[in-house]
PDB file of all heavy atoms in Angstrom:
ATOM      1  N   ARG A   1     -68.896 179.937-200.595  1.00  0.00           N
ATOM      2  CA  ARG A   1     -69.085 181.275-200.002  1.00  0.00           C
ATOM      3  C   ARG A   1     -69.645 181.158-198.577  1.00  0.00           C
ATOM      4  O   ARG A   1     -70.457 180.324-198.279  1.00  0.00           O
ATOM      5  CB  ARG A   1     -70.061 182.055-200.875  1.00  0.00           C
ATOM      6  CG  ARG A   1     -70.125 183.518-200.503  1.00  0.00           C
ATOM      7  CD  ARG A   1     -70.549 184.360-201.700  1.00  0.00           C
ATOM      8  NE  ARG A   1     -69.536 184.336-202.714  1.00  0.00           N
ATOM      9  CZ  ARG A   1     -69.646 183.668-203.853  1.00  0.00           C
ATOM     10  NH1 ARG A   1     -70.735 183.001-204.103  1.00  0.00           N
ATOM     11  NH2 ARG A   1     -68.695 183.673-204.726  1.00  0.00           N
ATOM     12  N   GLY A   2     -69.147 182.033-197.741  1.00  0.00           N
ATOM     13  CA  GLY A   2     -69.549 181.974-196.327  1.00  0.00           C
ATOM     14  C   GLY A   2     -68.332 181.720-195.484  1.00  0.00           C
ATOM     15  O   GLY A   2     -68.395 181.763-194.257  1.00  0.00           O
ATOM     16  N   GLY A   3     -67.174 181.486-196.123  1.00  0.00           N
ATOM     17  CA  GLY A   3     -65.927 181.304-195.391  1.00  0.00           C
ATOM     18  C   GLY A   3     -65.251 182.614-195.119  1.00  0.00           C
ATOM     19  O   GLY A   3     -65.807 183.511-194.546  1.00  0.00           O
ATOM     20  N   SER A   4     -64.010 182.743-195.562  1.00  0.00           N
ATOM     21  CA  SER A   4     -63.222 183.929-195.292  1.00  0.00           C
ATOM     22  C   SER A   4     -63.568 185.037-196.251  1.00  0.00           C
ATOM     23  O   SER A   4     -63.252 184.980-197.456  1.00  0.00           O
ATOM     24  CB  SER A   4     -61.723 183.572-195.404  1.00  0.00           C
ATOM     25  OG  SER A   4     -60.940 184.742-195.263  1.00  0.00           O
ATOM     26  N   ARG A   5     -64.273 186.045-195.781  1.00  0.00           N
ATOM     27  CA  ARG A   5     -64.680 187.175-196.598  1.00  0.00           C
ATOM     28  C   ARG A   5     -64.511 188.461-195.830  1.00  0.00           C
ATOM     29  O   ARG A   5     -64.608 188.492-194.605  1.00  0.00           O
ATOM     30  CB  ARG A   5     -66.145 187.040-197.066  1.00  0.00           C
ATOM     31  CG  ARG A   5     -66.431 185.792-197.866  1.00  0.00           C
ATOM     32  CD  ARG A   5     -67.869 185.775-198.311  1.00  0.00           C
ATOM     33  NE  ARG A   5     -68.789 185.719-197.171  1.00  0.00           N
ATOM     34  CZ  ARG A   5     -70.085 185.925-197.258  1.00  0.00           C
ATOM     35  NH1 ARG A   5     -70.636 186.244-198.409  1.00  0.00           N
ATOM     36  NH2 ARG A   5     -70.871 185.853-196.220  1.00  0.00           N
ATOM     37  N   ASP A   6     -64.276 189.563-196.558  1.00  0.00           N
ATOM     38  CA  ASP A   6     -64.156 190.849-195.925  1.00  0.00           C
ATOM     39  C   ASP A   6     -65.475 191.605-196.068  1.00  0.00           C
ATOM     40  O   ASP A   6     -66.101 191.616-197.128  1.00  0.00           O
ATOM     41  CB  ASP A   6     -63.034 191.671-196.596  1.00  0.00           C
ATOM     42  CG  ASP A   6     -61.658 191.020-196.428  1.00  0.00           C
ATOM     43  OD1 ASP A   6     -61.454 190.424-195.344  1.00  0.00           O
ATOM     44  OD2 ASP A   6     -60.850 191.093-197.329  1.00  0.00           O
ATOM     45  N   LEU A   7     -65.899 192.268-194.995  1.00  0.00           N
ATOM     46  CA  LEU A   7     -67.129 193.031-195.019  1.00  0.00           C
ATOM     47  C   LEU A   7     -66.907 194.262-195.884  1.00  0.00           C
ATOM     48  O   LEU A   7     -66.022 195.083-195.626  1.00  0.00           O
ATOM     49  CB  LEU A   7     -67.539 193.453-193.599  1.00  0.00           C
ATOM     50  CG  LEU A   7     -68.831 194.264-193.486  1.00  0.00           C
ATOM     51  CD1 LEU A   7     -70.008 193.427-193.943  1.00  0.00           C
ATOM     52  CD2 LEU A   7     -69.024 194.738-192.053  1.00  0.00           C
ATOM     53  N   ALA A   8     -67.729 194.408-196.941  1.00  0.00           N
ATOM     54  CA  ALA A   8     -67.588 195.533-197.852  1.00  0.00           C
ATOM     55  C   ALA A   8     -68.547 196.677-197.505  1.00  0.00           C
ATOM     56  O   ALA A   8     -68.295 197.837-197.866  1.00  0.00           O
ATOM     57  CB  ALA A   8     -67.834 195.077-199.304  1.00  0.00           C
ATOM     58  N   GLY A   9     -69.632 196.376-196.804  1.00  0.00           N
ATOM     59  CA  GLY A   9     -70.582 197.407-196.474  1.00  0.00           C
ATOM     60  C   GLY A   9     -71.957 196.838-196.158  1.00  0.00           C
ATOM     61  O   GLY A   9     -72.139 195.622-196.087  1.00  0.00           O
ATOM     62  N   VAL A  10     -72.919 197.749-195.961  1.00  0.00           N
ATOM     63  CA  VAL A  10     -74.281 197.353-195.655  1.00  0.00           C
ATOM     64  C   VAL A  10     -75.209 198.127-196.611  1.00  0.00           C
ATOM     65  O   VAL A  10     -75.006 199.296-196.841  1.00  0.00           O
ATOM     66  CB  VAL A  10     -74.638 197.694-194.193  1.00  0.00           C
ATOM     67  CG1 VAL A  10     -76.099 197.318-193.910  1.00  0.00           C
ATOM     68  CG2 VAL A  10     -73.717 196.934-193.239  1.00  0.00           C
ATOM     69  N   ARG A  11     -76.229 197.439-197.114  1.00  0.00           N
ATOM     70  CA  ARG A  11     -77.181 198.085-198.000  1.00  0.00           C
ATOM     71  C   ARG A  11     -78.563 197.531-197.747  1.00  0.00           C
ATOM     72  O   ARG A  11     -78.710 196.561-197.000  1.00  0.00           O
ATOM     73  CB  ARG A  11     -76.791 197.864-199.468  1.00  0.00           C
ATOM     74  CG  ARG A  11     -76.768 196.392-199.868  1.00  0.00           C
ATOM     75  CD  ARG A  11     -76.806 196.235-201.361  1.00  0.00           C
ATOM     76  NE  ARG A  11     -76.602 194.836-201.752  1.00  0.00           N
ATOM     77  CZ  ARG A  11     -77.519 193.904-201.706  1.00  0.00           C
ATOM     78  NH1 ARG A  11     -78.747 194.173-201.269  1.00  0.00           N
ATOM     79  NH2 ARG A  11     -77.263 192.630-202.088  1.00  0.00           N
ATOM     80  N   GLU A  12     -79.585 198.168-198.367  1.00  0.00           N
ATOM     81  CA  GLU A  12     -80.960 197.715-198.183  1.00  0.00           C
ATOM     82  C   GLU A  12     -81.154 196.309-198.765  1.00  0.00           C
ATOM     83  O   GLU A  12     -80.539 195.953-199.796  1.00  0.00           O
ATOM     84  CB  GLU A  12     -81.961 198.677-198.831  1.00  0.00           C
ATOM     85  CG  GLU A  12     -82.058 200.012-198.106  1.00  0.00           C
ATOM     86  CD  GLU A  12     -83.156 200.881-198.669  1.00  0.00           C
ATOM     87  OE1 GLU A  12     -83.993 200.354-199.471  1.00  0.00           O
ATOM     88  OE2 GLU A  12     -83.204 202.072-198.345  1.00  0.00           O
ATOM     89  N   TYR A  13     -82.009 195.535-198.125  1.00  0.00           N
ATOM     90  CA  TYR A  13     -82.320 194.160-198.577  1.00  0.00           C
ATOM     91  C   TYR A  13     -82.984 194.201-199.941  1.00  0.00           C
ATOM     92  O   TYR A  13     -83.785 195.071-200.253  1.00  0.00           O
ATOM     93  CB  TYR A  13     -83.251 193.514-197.546  1.00  0.00           C
ATOM     94  CG  TYR A  13     -83.788 192.177-197.983  1.00  0.00           C
ATOM     95  CD1 TYR A  13     -83.077 191.011-197.735  1.00  0.00           C
ATOM     96  CD2 TYR A  13     -85.021 192.092-198.633  1.00  0.00           C
ATOM     97  CE1 TYR A  13     -83.556 189.774-198.140  1.00  0.00           C
ATOM     98  CE2 TYR A  13     -85.520 190.856-199.045  1.00  0.00           C
ATOM     99  CZ  TYR A  13     -84.764 189.709-198.792  1.00  0.00           C
ATOM    100  OH  TYR A  13     -85.259 188.483-199.190  1.00  0.00           O
ATOM    101  N   ARG A  14     -82.609 193.211-200.764  1.00  0.00           N
ATOM    102  CA  ARG A  14     -83.225 193.043-202.084  1.00  0.00           C
ATOM    103  C   ARG A  14     -83.716 191.611-202.202  1.00  0.00           C
ATOM    104  O   ARG A  14     -83.127 190.694-201.613  1.00  0.00           O
ATOM    105  CB  ARG A  14     -82.205 193.317-203.193  1.00  0.00           C
ATOM    106  CG  ARG A  14     -81.649 194.718-203.210  1.00  0.00           C
ATOM    107  CD  ARG A  14     -80.466 194.794-204.157  1.00  0.00           C
ATOM    108  NE  ARG A  14     -79.860 196.124-204.164  1.00  0.00           N
ATOM    109  CZ  ARG A  14     -78.671 196.387-204.667  1.00  0.00           C
ATOM    110  NH1 ARG A  14     -77.974 195.396-205.221  1.00  0.00           N
ATOM    111  NH2 ARG A  14     -78.187 197.597-204.658  1.00  0.00           N
ATOM    112  N   GLU A  15     -84.769 191.432-202.967  1.00  0.00           N
ATOM    113  CA  GLU A  15     -85.306 190.092-203.174  1.00  0.00           C
ATOM    114  C   GLU A  15     -84.208 189.145-203.657  1.00  0.00           C
ATOM    115  O   GLU A  15     -83.469 189.486-204.594  1.00  0.00           O
ATOM    116  CB  GLU A  15     -86.448 190.115-204.173  1.00  0.00           C
ATOM    117  CG  GLU A  15     -87.124 188.770-204.389  1.00  0.00           C
ATOM    118  CD  GLU A  15     -88.242 188.830-205.375  1.00  0.00           C
ATOM    119  OE1 GLU A  15     -88.551 189.924-205.866  1.00  0.00           O
ATOM    120  OE2 GLU A  15     -88.791 187.746-205.666  1.00  0.00           O
ATOM    121  N   GLY A  16     -84.088 188.016-203.034  1.00  0.00           N
ATOM    122  CA  GLY A  16     -83.067 187.066-203.417  1.00  0.00           C
ATOM    123  C   GLY A  16     -81.848 187.072-202.517  1.00  0.00           C
ATOM    124  O   GLY A  16     -81.037 186.156-202.554  1.00  0.00           O
ATOM    125  N   ASP A  17     -81.703 188.105-201.670  1.00  0.00           N
ATOM    126  CA  ASP A  17     -80.589 188.148-200.706  1.00  0.00           C
ATOM    127  C   ASP A  17     -80.756 187.049-199.662  1.00  0.00           C
ATOM    128  O   ASP A  17     -81.875 186.646-199.318  1.00  0.00           O
ATOM    129  CB  ASP A  17     -80.540 189.523-200.016  1.00  0.00           C
ATOM    130  CG  ASP A  17     -80.026 190.623-200.908  1.00  0.00           C
ATOM    131  OD1 ASP A  17     -79.314 190.300-201.903  1.00  0.00           O
ATOM    132  OD2 ASP A  17     -80.312 191.784-200.632  1.00  0.00           O
ATOM    133  N   ARG A  18     -79.643 186.601-199.132  1.00  0.00           N
ATOM    134  CA  ARG A  18     -79.668 185.555-198.123  1.00  0.00           C
ATOM    135  C   ARG A  18     -80.107 186.115-196.771  1.00  0.00           C
ATOM    136  O   ARG A  18     -79.630 187.150-196.336  1.00  0.00           O
ATOM    137  CB  ARG A  18     -78.304 184.892-198.003  1.00  0.00           C
ATOM    138  CG  ARG A  18     -77.826 184.234-199.279  1.00  0.00           C
ATOM    139  CD  ARG A  18     -76.500 183.568-199.070  1.00  0.00           C
ATOM    140  NE  ARG A  18     -75.491 184.484-198.524  1.00  0.00           N
ATOM    141  CZ  ARG A  18     -74.256 184.121-198.234  1.00  0.00           C
ATOM    142  NH1 ARG A  18     -73.861 182.870-198.409  1.00  0.00           N
ATOM    143  NH2 ARG A  18     -73.390 185.025-197.773  1.00  0.00           N
ATOM    144  N   VAL A  19     -80.984 185.385-196.111  1.00  0.00           N
ATOM    145  CA  VAL A  19     -81.496 185.812-194.798  1.00  0.00           C
ATOM    146  C   VAL A  19     -80.349 185.904-193.792  1.00  0.00           C
ATOM    147  O   VAL A  19     -80.334 186.815-192.947  1.00  0.00           O
ATOM    148  CB  VAL A  19     -82.580 184.829-194.308  1.00  0.00           C
ATOM    149  CG1 VAL A  19     -83.017 185.189-192.874  1.00  0.00           C
ATOM    150  CG2 VAL A  19     -83.785 184.846-195.240  1.00  0.00           C
ATOM    151  N   ARG A  20     -79.381 185.027-193.897  1.00  0.00           N
ATOM    152  CA  ARG A  20     -78.326 185.023-192.894  1.00  0.00           C
ATOM    153  C   ARG A  20     -77.422 186.264-193.012  1.00  0.00           C
ATOM    154  O   ARG A  20     -76.609 186.528-192.122  1.00  0.00           O
ATOM    155  CB  ARG A  20     -77.468 183.762-193.015  1.00  0.00           C
ATOM    156  CG  ARG A  20     -76.597 183.674-194.263  1.00  0.00           C
ATOM    157  CD  ARG A  20     -75.808 182.399-194.219  1.00  0.00           C
ATOM    158  NE  ARG A  20     -74.933 182.230-195.349  1.00  0.00           N
ATOM    159  CZ  ARG A  20     -74.138 181.187-195.504  1.00  0.00           C
ATOM    160  NH1 ARG A  20     -74.152 180.211-194.632  1.00  0.00           N
ATOM    161  NH2 ARG A  20     -73.349 181.106-196.573  1.00  0.00           N
ATOM    162  N   ASP A  21     -77.528 187.038-194.106  1.00  0.00           N
ATOM    163  CA  ASP A  21     -76.739 188.247-194.256  1.00  0.00           C
ATOM    164  C   ASP A  21     -77.459 189.473-193.733  1.00  0.00           C
ATOM    165  O   ASP A  21     -76.922 190.596-193.832  1.00  0.00           O
ATOM    166  CB  ASP A  21     -76.367 188.455-195.734  1.00  0.00           C
ATOM    167  CG  ASP A  21     -75.300 187.470-196.210  1.00  0.00           C
ATOM    168  OD1 ASP A  21     -74.543 187.007-195.355  1.00  0.00           O
ATOM    169  OD2 ASP A  21     -75.243 187.181-197.424  1.00  0.00           O
ATOM    170  N   LEU A  22     -78.656 189.303-193.196  1.00  0.00           N
ATOM    171  CA  LEU A  22     -79.393 190.458-192.644  1.00  0.00           C
ATOM    172  C   LEU A  22     -78.613 191.100-191.518  1.00  0.00           C
ATOM    173  O   LEU A  22     -78.023 190.417-190.671  1.00  0.00           O
ATOM    174  CB  LEU A  22     -80.769 189.994-192.135  1.00  0.00           C
ATOM    175  CG  LEU A  22     -81.838 189.748-193.214  1.00  0.00           C
ATOM    176  CD1 LEU A  22     -83.023 189.053-192.618  1.00  0.00           C
ATOM    177  CD2 LEU A  22     -82.267 191.042-193.892  1.00  0.00           C
ATOM    178  N   CYS A  23     -78.619 192.422-191.514  1.00  0.00           N
ATOM    179  CA  CYS A  23     -77.928 193.175-190.470  1.00  0.00           C
ATOM    180  C   CYS A  23     -78.972 193.747-189.491  1.00  0.00           C
ATOM    181  O   CYS A  23     -79.674 194.713-189.823  1.00  0.00           O
ATOM    182  CB  CYS A  23     -77.111 194.326-191.100  1.00  0.00           C
ATOM    183  SG  CYS A  23     -76.229 195.327-189.885  1.00  0.00           S
ATOM    184  N   ALA A  24     -79.066 193.155-188.313  1.00  0.00           N
ATOM    185  CA  ALA A  24     -80.087 193.551-187.349  1.00  0.00           C
ATOM    186  C   ALA A  24     -79.879 194.987-186.886  1.00  0.00           C
ATOM    187  O   ALA A  24     -80.850 195.718-186.641  1.00  0.00           O
ATOM    188  CB  ALA A  24     -80.073 192.596-186.166  1.00  0.00           C
ATOM    189  N   ARG A  25     -78.652 195.401-186.719  1.00  0.00           N
ATOM    190  CA  ARG A  25     -78.364 196.766-186.233  1.00  0.00           C
ATOM    191  C   ARG A  25     -78.848 197.831-187.216  1.00  0.00           C
ATOM    192  O   ARG A  25     -79.514 198.786-186.807  1.00  0.00           O
ATOM    193  CB  ARG A  25     -76.864 196.915-185.994  1.00  0.00           C
ATOM    194  CG  ARG A  25     -76.481 198.271-185.446  1.00  0.00           C
ATOM    195  CD  ARG A  25     -74.994 198.341-185.113  1.00  0.00           C
ATOM    196  NE  ARG A  25     -74.629 197.343-184.121  1.00  0.00           N
ATOM    197  CZ  ARG A  25     -73.379 197.158-183.712  1.00  0.00           C
ATOM    198  NH1 ARG A  25     -72.379 197.883-184.211  1.00  0.00           N
ATOM    199  NH2 ARG A  25     -73.123 196.261-182.779  1.00  0.00           N
ATOM    200  N   ALA A  26     -78.525 197.662-188.497  1.00  0.00           N
ATOM    201  CA  ALA A  26     -78.972 198.639-189.504  1.00  0.00           C
ATOM    202  C   ALA A  26     -80.494 198.588-189.652  1.00  0.00           C
ATOM    203  O   ALA A  26     -81.144 199.634-189.862  1.00  0.00           O
ATOM    204  CB  ALA A  26     -78.294 198.349-190.836  1.00  0.00           C
ATOM    205  N   TRP A  27     -81.075 197.408-189.544  1.00  0.00           N
ATOM    206  CA  TRP A  27     -82.525 197.264-189.642  1.00  0.00           C
ATOM    207  C   TRP A  27     -83.208 198.005-188.500  1.00  0.00           C
ATOM    208  O   TRP A  27     -84.179 198.758-188.719  1.00  0.00           O
ATOM    209  CB  TRP A  27     -82.877 195.796-189.617  1.00  0.00           C
ATOM    210  CG  TRP A  27     -84.312 195.470-189.952  1.00  0.00           C
ATOM    211  CD1 TRP A  27     -85.356 196.328-190.053  1.00  0.00           C
ATOM    212  CD2 TRP A  27     -84.855 194.177-190.243  1.00  0.00           C
ATOM    213  NE1 TRP A  27     -86.508 195.690-190.385  1.00  0.00           N
ATOM    214  CE2 TRP A  27     -86.238 194.337-190.509  1.00  0.00           C
ATOM    215  CE3 TRP A  27     -84.310 192.905-190.290  1.00  0.00           C
ATOM    216  CZ2 TRP A  27     -87.068 193.268-190.809  1.00  0.00           C
ATOM    217  CZ3 TRP A  27     -85.148 191.816-190.603  1.00  0.00           C
ATOM    218  CH2 TRP A  27     -86.497 192.020-190.871  1.00  0.00           C
ATOM    219  N   ALA A  28     -82.691 197.845-187.312  1.00  0.00           N
ATOM    220  CA  ALA A  28     -83.273 198.540-186.145  1.00  0.00           C
ATOM    221  C   ALA A  28     -83.123 200.040-186.267  1.00  0.00           C
ATOM    222  O   ALA A  28     -83.992 200.801-185.855  1.00  0.00           O
ATOM    223  CB  ALA A  28     -82.601 198.011-184.878  1.00  0.00           C
ATOM    224  N   ARG A  29     -82.009 200.490-186.765  1.00  0.00           N
ATOM    225  CA  ARG A  29     -81.742 201.929-186.851  1.00  0.00           C
ATOM    226  C   ARG A  29     -82.587 202.620-187.904  1.00  0.00           C
ATOM    227  O   ARG A  29     -83.053 203.740-187.747  1.00  0.00           O
ATOM    228  CB  ARG A  29     -80.253 202.144-187.159  1.00  0.00           C
ATOM    229  CG  ARG A  29     -79.830 203.625-187.141  1.00  0.00           C
ATOM    230  CD  ARG A  29     -78.352 203.829-187.401  1.00  0.00           C
ATOM    231  NE  ARG A  29     -77.973 203.416-188.724  1.00  0.00           N
ATOM    232  CZ  ARG A  29     -77.259 202.351-189.036  1.00  0.00           C
ATOM    233  NH1 ARG A  29     -76.842 201.542-188.054  1.00  0.00           N
ATOM    234  NH2 ARG A  29     -76.952 202.069-190.285  1.00  0.00           N
TER     235      ARG A  29
END
């Protein structure tokens, strides 16, 4: 995982989520 994937959406962070999947734009907004 981490290769060819389609973006399905953005949601609030949950414990256990990967740090590299953080969305800075949604976090800032």
